[in-house]
């Protein structure tokens, strides 16, 4: 693995809601990020040898869309590693670097992952996260606990 891995925190503003060249912004996501920016939303770019290979968003808890994450908690995601850089443990490295090096004080850290996203499930487990519950996304785009199988696993650490 390259030793020249860097995390850069980018400022999020109305003109630059998701400052990563790897992210394709849709109208839905513009609305989502604008709403989350009210709750301490920040974006971290992940670079290898000076080139963007991934990103990770972090929000503070207390957002109505994620009622399980209380004030003092953080929500990790979305995160992404470019396809040509997958399989090298970069997602786990990126999240670990952000949590360790950027002094994100928190009580709990939460990640919600689609139940069929096995690579991200393995990343969460490698980082010491445990499945807390299954959830669905309701019509208000809020995570909601469910009995049995849901669309998402919600992990906590």
N, C-alpha and C. Protein backbone atom coordinates (compact mmCIF):
# COMPACT_ATOMS: atom_id res chain seq x y z
N UNK A 1 0.84 -1.18 0.00
CA UNK A 1 0.00 0.00 0.00
C UNK A 1 0.89 1.24 0.00
N UNK A 2 0.48 2.24 -0.76
CA UNK A 2 1.24 3.49 -0.82
C UNK A 2 1.26 4.15 0.55
N UNK A 3 2.41 4.68 0.92
CA UNK A 3 2.52 5.38 2.19
C UNK A 3 2.11 6.84 2.05
N UNK A 4 1.86 7.30 0.85
CA UNK A 4 1.51 8.69 0.62
C UNK A 4 -0.01 8.86 0.55
N UNK A 5 -0.67 8.60 1.67
CA UNK A 5 -2.12 8.74 1.77
C UNK A 5 -2.42 9.97 2.60
N UNK A 6 -3.35 10.79 2.12
CA UNK A 6 -3.64 12.05 2.77
C UNK A 6 -5.14 12.25 2.90
N UNK A 7 -5.56 12.84 4.01
CA UNK A 7 -6.95 13.25 4.22
C UNK A 7 -6.99 14.77 4.25
N UNK A 8 -7.89 15.36 3.47
CA UNK A 8 -8.07 16.81 3.47
C UNK A 8 -9.52 17.11 3.80
N UNK A 9 -9.75 17.89 4.85
CA UNK A 9 -11.12 18.32 5.15
C UNK A 9 -11.44 19.51 4.27
N UNK A 10 -12.57 19.44 3.58
CA UNK A 10 -12.98 20.52 2.69
C UNK A 10 -14.13 21.30 3.31
N UNK A 11 -14.16 22.58 3.05
CA UNK A 11 -15.26 23.42 3.52
C UNK A 11 -16.49 23.12 2.67
N UNK A 12 -17.62 23.00 3.33
CA UNK A 12 -18.89 22.78 2.65
C UNK A 12 -19.63 24.11 2.68
N UNK A 13 -20.10 24.56 1.52
CA UNK A 13 -20.84 25.81 1.44
C UNK A 13 -22.00 25.63 0.47
N UNK A 14 -22.86 26.64 0.36
CA UNK A 14 -23.98 26.55 -0.58
C UNK A 14 -23.52 26.38 -2.01
N UNK A 15 -22.35 26.94 -2.34
CA UNK A 15 -21.83 26.82 -3.70
C UNK A 15 -21.00 25.56 -3.90
N UNK A 16 -20.60 24.93 -2.82
CA UNK A 16 -19.73 23.76 -2.90
C UNK A 16 -20.18 22.74 -1.86
N UNK A 17 -21.34 22.11 -2.12
CA UNK A 17 -21.94 21.23 -1.13
C UNK A 17 -21.18 19.94 -0.93
N UNK A 18 -20.54 19.44 -1.95
CA UNK A 18 -19.80 18.18 -1.83
C UNK A 18 -18.52 18.31 -2.62
N UNK A 19 -17.48 18.83 -1.99
CA UNK A 19 -16.25 19.18 -2.72
C UNK A 19 -15.34 18.00 -3.01
N UNK A 20 -15.79 17.10 -3.86
CA UNK A 20 -14.93 16.03 -4.33
C UNK A 20 -15.18 15.84 -5.81
N UNK A 21 -14.12 15.78 -6.61
CA UNK A 21 -14.31 15.60 -8.04
C UNK A 21 -14.87 14.22 -8.39
N UNK A 22 -14.86 13.29 -7.44
CA UNK A 22 -15.37 11.95 -7.70
C UNK A 22 -16.88 11.84 -7.55
N UNK A 23 -17.51 12.85 -6.95
CA UNK A 23 -18.93 12.77 -6.62
C UNK A 23 -19.77 13.44 -7.69
N UNK A 24 -20.78 12.73 -8.16
CA UNK A 24 -21.69 13.29 -9.16
C UNK A 24 -22.92 13.83 -8.43
N UNK A 25 -23.07 15.13 -8.39
CA UNK A 25 -24.13 15.78 -7.63
C UNK A 25 -25.45 15.76 -8.40
N UNK A 26 -26.50 15.25 -7.76
CA UNK A 26 -27.85 15.27 -8.31
C UNK A 26 -28.67 16.30 -7.55
N UNK A 27 -29.82 16.66 -8.04
CA UNK A 27 -30.69 17.61 -7.35
C UNK A 27 -31.08 17.07 -5.97
N UNK A 28 -31.42 15.78 -5.90
CA UNK A 28 -31.77 15.16 -4.62
C UNK A 28 -30.63 15.32 -3.62
N UNK A 29 -29.40 15.05 -4.06
CA UNK A 29 -28.25 15.15 -3.17
C UNK A 29 -27.95 16.59 -2.78
N UNK A 30 -28.19 17.55 -3.68
CA UNK A 30 -28.01 18.95 -3.32
C UNK A 30 -28.92 19.32 -2.15
N UNK A 31 -30.16 18.86 -2.22
CA UNK A 31 -31.11 19.14 -1.14
C UNK A 31 -30.65 18.43 0.13
N UNK A 32 -30.24 17.18 0.00
CA UNK A 32 -29.80 16.41 1.17
C UNK A 32 -28.59 17.06 1.85
N UNK A 33 -27.57 17.44 1.08
CA UNK A 33 -26.35 18.00 1.67
C UNK A 33 -26.60 19.38 2.25
N UNK A 34 -27.47 20.16 1.61
CA UNK A 34 -27.80 21.48 2.15
C UNK A 34 -28.46 21.32 3.52
N UNK A 35 -29.35 20.36 3.62
CA UNK A 35 -30.02 20.10 4.90
C UNK A 35 -29.00 19.62 5.95
N UNK A 36 -28.13 18.69 5.56
CA UNK A 36 -27.16 18.17 6.51
C UNK A 36 -26.10 19.20 6.90
N UNK A 37 -25.84 20.18 6.03
CA UNK A 37 -24.84 21.18 6.35
C UNK A 37 -25.25 21.99 7.58
N UNK A 38 -26.54 22.00 7.88
CA UNK A 38 -27.03 22.67 9.09
C UNK A 38 -26.64 21.91 10.35
N UNK A 39 -26.22 20.67 10.19
CA UNK A 39 -25.89 19.81 11.33
C UNK A 39 -24.42 19.43 11.35
N UNK A 40 -23.56 20.35 10.99
CA UNK A 40 -22.13 20.10 11.10
C UNK A 40 -21.58 19.16 10.05
N UNK A 41 -22.24 19.07 8.89
CA UNK A 41 -21.78 18.18 7.83
C UNK A 41 -20.43 18.63 7.28
N UNK A 42 -19.53 17.70 7.10
CA UNK A 42 -18.22 18.00 6.52
C UNK A 42 -17.79 16.87 5.61
N UNK A 43 -16.93 17.20 4.66
CA UNK A 43 -16.46 16.25 3.66
C UNK A 43 -14.95 16.14 3.77
N UNK A 44 -14.47 14.91 3.70
CA UNK A 44 -13.04 14.63 3.70
C UNK A 44 -12.68 13.97 2.38
N UNK A 45 -11.69 14.55 1.70
CA UNK A 45 -11.18 13.94 0.48
C UNK A 45 -10.03 13.03 0.87
N UNK A 46 -9.92 11.91 0.18
CA UNK A 46 -8.87 10.92 0.43
C UNK A 46 -7.99 10.87 -0.81
N UNK A 47 -6.71 11.19 -0.63
CA UNK A 47 -5.79 11.26 -1.75
C UNK A 47 -4.67 10.23 -1.60
N UNK A 48 -4.28 9.67 -2.72
CA UNK A 48 -3.11 8.79 -2.79
C UNK A 48 -2.16 9.42 -3.78
N UNK A 49 -0.95 9.69 -3.33
CA UNK A 49 0.06 10.32 -4.17
C UNK A 49 -0.48 11.61 -4.82
N UNK A 50 -1.30 12.35 -4.08
CA UNK A 50 -1.81 13.64 -4.54
C UNK A 50 -3.05 13.60 -5.40
N UNK A 51 -3.56 12.41 -5.72
CA UNK A 51 -4.75 12.29 -6.56
C UNK A 51 -5.93 11.77 -5.74
N UNK A 52 -7.12 12.33 -6.02
CA UNK A 52 -8.33 11.88 -5.32
C UNK A 52 -8.63 10.42 -5.64
N UNK A 53 -8.80 9.62 -4.59
CA UNK A 53 -9.23 8.23 -4.80
C UNK A 53 -10.49 7.92 -3.99
N UNK A 54 -10.93 8.86 -3.14
CA UNK A 54 -12.13 8.61 -2.36
C UNK A 54 -12.57 9.83 -1.58
N UNK A 55 -13.70 9.68 -0.91
CA UNK A 55 -14.21 10.73 -0.05
C UNK A 55 -15.05 10.11 1.05
N UNK A 56 -15.31 10.91 2.07
CA UNK A 56 -16.17 10.47 3.17
C UNK A 56 -16.86 11.69 3.76
N UNK A 57 -18.15 11.60 3.94
CA UNK A 57 -18.91 12.65 4.60
C UNK A 57 -19.14 12.27 6.06
N UNK A 58 -19.15 13.26 6.93
CA UNK A 58 -19.42 13.05 8.36
C UNK A 58 -20.43 14.11 8.80
N UNK A 59 -21.45 13.68 9.53
CA UNK A 59 -22.44 14.60 10.09
C UNK A 59 -22.49 14.43 11.60
N UNK A 60 -22.91 15.48 12.27
CA UNK A 60 -23.16 15.37 13.70
C UNK A 60 -24.50 14.69 13.92
N UNK A 61 -24.65 14.01 15.05
CA UNK A 61 -25.92 13.41 15.41
C UNK A 61 -26.95 14.48 15.73
N UNK A 62 -28.19 14.04 15.94
CA UNK A 62 -29.26 14.98 16.24
C UNK A 62 -30.04 15.37 15.00
N UNK A 63 -29.80 14.69 13.87
CA UNK A 63 -30.51 14.96 12.62
C UNK A 63 -31.78 14.12 12.60
N UNK A 64 -32.90 14.73 12.24
CA UNK A 64 -34.17 14.00 12.25
C UNK A 64 -34.16 12.78 11.32
N UNK A 65 -33.33 12.81 10.28
CA UNK A 65 -33.27 11.67 9.35
C UNK A 65 -32.66 10.43 9.99
N UNK A 66 -31.89 10.62 11.05
CA UNK A 66 -31.22 9.52 11.73
C UNK A 66 -31.51 9.61 13.23
N UNK A 67 -32.73 9.26 13.64
CA UNK A 67 -33.15 9.47 15.04
C UNK A 67 -32.34 8.66 16.05
N UNK A 68 -31.66 7.62 15.63
CA UNK A 68 -30.85 6.82 16.54
C UNK A 68 -29.56 7.53 16.94
N UNK A 69 -29.10 8.48 16.14
CA UNK A 69 -27.85 9.21 16.41
C UNK A 69 -28.18 10.47 17.19
N UNK A 70 -27.81 10.48 18.44
CA UNK A 70 -28.13 11.59 19.33
C UNK A 70 -27.09 12.70 19.23
N UNK A 71 -27.39 13.82 19.82
CA UNK A 71 -26.43 14.91 19.91
C UNK A 71 -25.18 14.37 20.61
N UNK A 72 -24.02 14.65 20.08
CA UNK A 72 -22.77 14.11 20.61
C UNK A 72 -22.27 12.91 19.83
N UNK A 73 -23.12 12.33 18.98
CA UNK A 73 -22.74 11.22 18.11
C UNK A 73 -22.32 11.79 16.74
N UNK A 74 -21.71 10.94 15.91
CA UNK A 74 -21.45 11.30 14.53
C UNK A 74 -21.99 10.22 13.61
N UNK A 75 -22.29 10.62 12.39
CA UNK A 75 -22.78 9.71 11.35
C UNK A 75 -21.74 9.72 10.24
N UNK A 76 -21.24 8.55 9.90
CA UNK A 76 -20.22 8.42 8.87
C UNK A 76 -20.90 8.03 7.56
N UNK A 77 -20.62 8.77 6.52
CA UNK A 77 -21.14 8.42 5.21
C UNK A 77 -21.91 9.57 4.58
N UNK A 78 -22.04 9.49 3.27
CA UNK A 78 -21.56 8.39 2.44
C UNK A 78 -20.04 8.43 2.31
N UNK A 79 -19.50 7.27 1.97
CA UNK A 79 -18.08 7.22 1.64
C UNK A 79 -17.92 6.41 0.37
N UNK A 80 -16.80 6.64 -0.29
CA UNK A 80 -16.59 6.05 -1.62
C UNK A 80 -15.10 5.93 -1.89
N UNK A 81 -14.72 4.84 -2.50
CA UNK A 81 -13.36 4.64 -3.02
C UNK A 81 -13.51 4.35 -4.51
N UNK A 82 -12.73 5.02 -5.34
CA UNK A 82 -12.83 4.82 -6.79
C UNK A 82 -12.59 3.34 -7.14
N UNK A 83 -13.26 2.90 -8.17
CA UNK A 83 -13.24 1.47 -8.52
C UNK A 83 -11.83 0.93 -8.73
N UNK A 84 -10.96 1.70 -9.35
CA UNK A 84 -9.61 1.21 -9.63
C UNK A 84 -8.73 1.18 -8.38
N UNK A 85 -9.24 1.64 -7.24
CA UNK A 85 -8.48 1.60 -5.99
C UNK A 85 -9.11 0.69 -4.93
N UNK A 86 -10.10 -0.06 -5.32
CA UNK A 86 -10.75 -0.97 -4.37
C UNK A 86 -9.92 -2.23 -4.19
N UNK A 87 -10.15 -2.90 -3.06
CA UNK A 87 -9.44 -4.14 -2.78
C UNK A 87 -8.11 -3.94 -2.07
N UNK A 88 -7.84 -2.72 -1.62
CA UNK A 88 -6.58 -2.42 -0.94
C UNK A 88 -6.79 -1.94 0.50
N UNK A 89 -7.99 -2.13 1.03
CA UNK A 89 -8.34 -1.72 2.39
C UNK A 89 -8.36 -0.19 2.55
N UNK A 90 -8.49 0.55 1.44
CA UNK A 90 -8.46 2.01 1.52
C UNK A 90 -9.67 2.59 2.25
N UNK A 91 -10.85 1.99 2.11
CA UNK A 91 -12.03 2.54 2.79
C UNK A 91 -11.82 2.51 4.31
N UNK A 92 -11.37 1.38 4.82
CA UNK A 92 -11.11 1.27 6.27
C UNK A 92 -10.00 2.22 6.69
N UNK A 93 -8.96 2.32 5.87
CA UNK A 93 -7.85 3.23 6.18
C UNK A 93 -8.34 4.66 6.22
N UNK A 94 -9.15 5.05 5.23
CA UNK A 94 -9.67 6.41 5.16
C UNK A 94 -10.50 6.76 6.40
N UNK A 95 -11.45 5.91 6.75
CA UNK A 95 -12.31 6.18 7.90
C UNK A 95 -11.50 6.21 9.18
N UNK A 96 -10.57 5.28 9.32
CA UNK A 96 -9.72 5.25 10.51
C UNK A 96 -8.88 6.53 10.62
N UNK A 97 -8.32 6.98 9.50
CA UNK A 97 -7.52 8.21 9.51
C UNK A 97 -8.37 9.42 9.90
N UNK A 98 -9.59 9.48 9.38
CA UNK A 98 -10.47 10.61 9.70
C UNK A 98 -10.80 10.61 11.19
N UNK A 99 -11.20 9.46 11.71
CA UNK A 99 -11.59 9.38 13.12
C UNK A 99 -10.40 9.65 14.04
N UNK A 100 -9.23 9.18 13.67
CA UNK A 100 -8.04 9.30 14.52
C UNK A 100 -7.37 10.66 14.39
N UNK A 101 -7.22 11.14 13.19
CA UNK A 101 -6.38 12.31 12.95
C UNK A 101 -7.13 13.64 12.96
N UNK A 102 -8.43 13.61 12.90
CA UNK A 102 -9.18 14.87 12.82
C UNK A 102 -9.96 15.17 14.08
N UNK A 103 -9.59 14.51 15.16
CA UNK A 103 -10.11 14.80 16.50
C UNK A 103 -11.63 14.97 16.50
N UNK A 104 -12.33 14.01 15.96
CA UNK A 104 -13.79 14.05 15.95
C UNK A 104 -14.29 13.50 17.28
N UNK A 105 -14.48 14.37 18.22
CA UNK A 105 -14.97 13.90 19.51
C UNK A 105 -16.42 13.45 19.34
N UNK A 106 -16.71 12.29 19.85
CA UNK A 106 -18.05 11.75 19.72
C UNK A 106 -18.30 10.71 20.80
N UNK A 107 -19.57 10.49 21.08
CA UNK A 107 -19.97 9.45 22.01
C UNK A 107 -20.06 8.13 21.26
N UNK A 108 -20.82 8.14 20.16
CA UNK A 108 -20.95 6.96 19.30
C UNK A 108 -20.76 7.39 17.85
N UNK A 109 -20.26 6.46 17.06
CA UNK A 109 -20.16 6.67 15.61
C UNK A 109 -21.10 5.67 14.94
N UNK A 110 -21.87 6.14 13.97
CA UNK A 110 -22.86 5.32 13.28
C UNK A 110 -22.55 5.26 11.79
N UNK A 111 -22.81 4.10 11.19
CA UNK A 111 -22.73 3.93 9.74
C UNK A 111 -23.95 3.12 9.32
N UNK A 112 -24.67 3.57 8.30
CA UNK A 112 -25.74 2.73 7.75
C UNK A 112 -25.31 2.25 6.37
N UNK A 113 -25.50 0.95 6.16
CA UNK A 113 -24.98 0.30 4.95
C UNK A 113 -26.08 -0.59 4.36
N UNK A 114 -26.27 -0.51 3.05
CA UNK A 114 -27.23 -1.38 2.38
C UNK A 114 -26.89 -2.84 2.66
N UNK A 115 -27.90 -3.65 2.89
CA UNK A 115 -27.68 -5.05 3.30
C UNK A 115 -26.94 -5.87 2.24
N UNK A 116 -26.94 -5.41 0.99
CA UNK A 116 -26.24 -6.15 -0.06
C UNK A 116 -24.85 -5.58 -0.37
N UNK A 117 -24.39 -4.60 0.42
CA UNK A 117 -23.08 -3.99 0.20
C UNK A 117 -22.06 -4.71 1.10
N UNK A 118 -21.66 -5.89 0.67
CA UNK A 118 -20.80 -6.76 1.49
C UNK A 118 -19.43 -6.15 1.75
N UNK A 119 -18.89 -5.42 0.78
CA UNK A 119 -17.58 -4.80 0.99
C UNK A 119 -17.63 -3.78 2.13
N UNK A 120 -18.66 -2.93 2.14
CA UNK A 120 -18.78 -1.93 3.21
C UNK A 120 -19.12 -2.56 4.55
N UNK A 121 -19.88 -3.64 4.54
CA UNK A 121 -20.16 -4.36 5.78
C UNK A 121 -18.85 -4.87 6.37
N UNK A 122 -17.99 -5.42 5.53
CA UNK A 122 -16.68 -5.90 6.00
C UNK A 122 -15.81 -4.76 6.51
N UNK A 123 -15.88 -3.59 5.86
CA UNK A 123 -15.12 -2.42 6.33
C UNK A 123 -15.58 -2.05 7.74
N UNK A 124 -16.89 -1.97 7.95
CA UNK A 124 -17.42 -1.61 9.27
C UNK A 124 -16.97 -2.60 10.33
N UNK A 125 -17.02 -3.87 10.01
CA UNK A 125 -16.60 -4.90 10.98
C UNK A 125 -15.10 -4.80 11.27
N UNK A 126 -14.28 -4.57 10.23
CA UNK A 126 -12.84 -4.41 10.42
C UNK A 126 -12.51 -3.25 11.34
N UNK A 127 -13.34 -2.21 11.30
CA UNK A 127 -13.12 -1.02 12.12
C UNK A 127 -13.71 -1.17 13.54
N UNK A 128 -14.30 -2.32 13.83
CA UNK A 128 -14.82 -2.56 15.18
C UNK A 128 -16.26 -2.15 15.38
N UNK A 129 -16.99 -1.86 14.31
CA UNK A 129 -18.41 -1.54 14.42
C UNK A 129 -19.21 -2.82 14.54
N UNK A 130 -20.31 -2.75 15.27
CA UNK A 130 -21.24 -3.87 15.43
C UNK A 130 -22.60 -3.48 14.87
N UNK A 131 -23.32 -4.47 14.33
CA UNK A 131 -24.67 -4.20 13.85
C UNK A 131 -25.55 -3.89 15.05
N UNK A 132 -26.23 -2.76 14.99
CA UNK A 132 -27.11 -2.34 16.07
C UNK A 132 -28.56 -2.73 15.77
N UNK A 133 -28.98 -2.53 14.51
CA UNK A 133 -30.34 -2.90 14.11
C UNK A 133 -30.47 -2.86 12.59
N UNK A 134 -31.58 -3.41 12.08
CA UNK A 134 -31.94 -3.31 10.67
C UNK A 134 -32.88 -2.13 10.51
N UNK A 135 -32.88 -1.54 9.32
CA UNK A 135 -33.71 -0.36 9.11
C UNK A 135 -34.20 -0.30 7.67
N UNK A 136 -35.22 0.50 7.50
CA UNK A 136 -35.72 0.86 6.17
C UNK A 136 -35.64 2.37 6.04
N UNK A 137 -35.68 2.86 4.82
CA UNK A 137 -35.74 4.29 4.57
C UNK A 137 -37.21 4.60 4.30
N UNK A 138 -37.82 5.41 5.16
CA UNK A 138 -39.24 5.70 4.98
C UNK A 138 -39.44 6.75 3.89
N UNK A 139 -40.71 7.10 3.63
CA UNK A 139 -41.01 8.03 2.54
C UNK A 139 -40.54 9.46 2.81
N UNK A 140 -40.13 9.76 4.04
CA UNK A 140 -39.55 11.07 4.37
C UNK A 140 -38.03 11.04 4.31
N UNK A 141 -37.48 9.95 3.79
CA UNK A 141 -36.04 9.72 3.69
C UNK A 141 -35.38 9.74 5.07
N UNK A 142 -36.05 9.07 6.01
CA UNK A 142 -35.52 8.91 7.37
C UNK A 142 -35.31 7.43 7.63
N UNK A 143 -34.19 7.08 8.29
CA UNK A 143 -33.97 5.70 8.67
C UNK A 143 -34.92 5.34 9.79
N UNK A 144 -35.54 4.19 9.66
CA UNK A 144 -36.53 3.75 10.64
C UNK A 144 -36.23 2.30 11.00
N UNK A 145 -36.13 2.02 12.29
CA UNK A 145 -35.89 0.64 12.74
C UNK A 145 -37.02 -0.25 12.25
N UNK A 146 -36.69 -1.50 11.96
CA UNK A 146 -37.72 -2.44 11.53
C UNK A 146 -37.48 -3.79 12.16
N UNK A 147 -38.52 -4.55 12.27
CA UNK A 147 -38.41 -5.93 12.73
C UNK A 147 -38.02 -6.78 11.52
N UNK A 148 -37.13 -7.71 11.73
CA UNK A 148 -36.72 -8.59 10.64
C UNK A 148 -35.73 -7.91 9.71
N UNK A 149 -35.77 -8.31 8.44
CA UNK A 149 -34.81 -7.81 7.46
C UNK A 149 -35.23 -6.44 6.94
N UNK A 150 -34.28 -5.53 6.88
CA UNK A 150 -34.51 -4.21 6.33
C UNK A 150 -33.65 -3.98 5.11
N UNK A 151 -33.65 -2.77 4.62
CA UNK A 151 -32.82 -2.40 3.48
C UNK A 151 -31.40 -2.10 3.91
N UNK A 152 -31.24 -1.72 5.19
CA UNK A 152 -29.95 -1.29 5.71
C UNK A 152 -29.63 -2.00 7.02
N UNK A 153 -28.34 -2.17 7.25
CA UNK A 153 -27.85 -2.49 8.59
C UNK A 153 -27.31 -1.19 9.15
N UNK A 154 -27.60 -0.94 10.41
CA UNK A 154 -27.08 0.25 11.07
C UNK A 154 -26.04 -0.24 12.08
N UNK A 155 -24.81 0.21 11.86
CA UNK A 155 -23.67 -0.19 12.69
C UNK A 155 -23.35 0.92 13.68
N UNK A 156 -22.84 0.53 14.83
CA UNK A 156 -22.46 1.49 15.86
C UNK A 156 -21.13 1.08 16.49
N UNK A 157 -20.37 2.09 16.89
CA UNK A 157 -19.10 1.85 17.59
C UNK A 157 -18.96 2.89 18.69
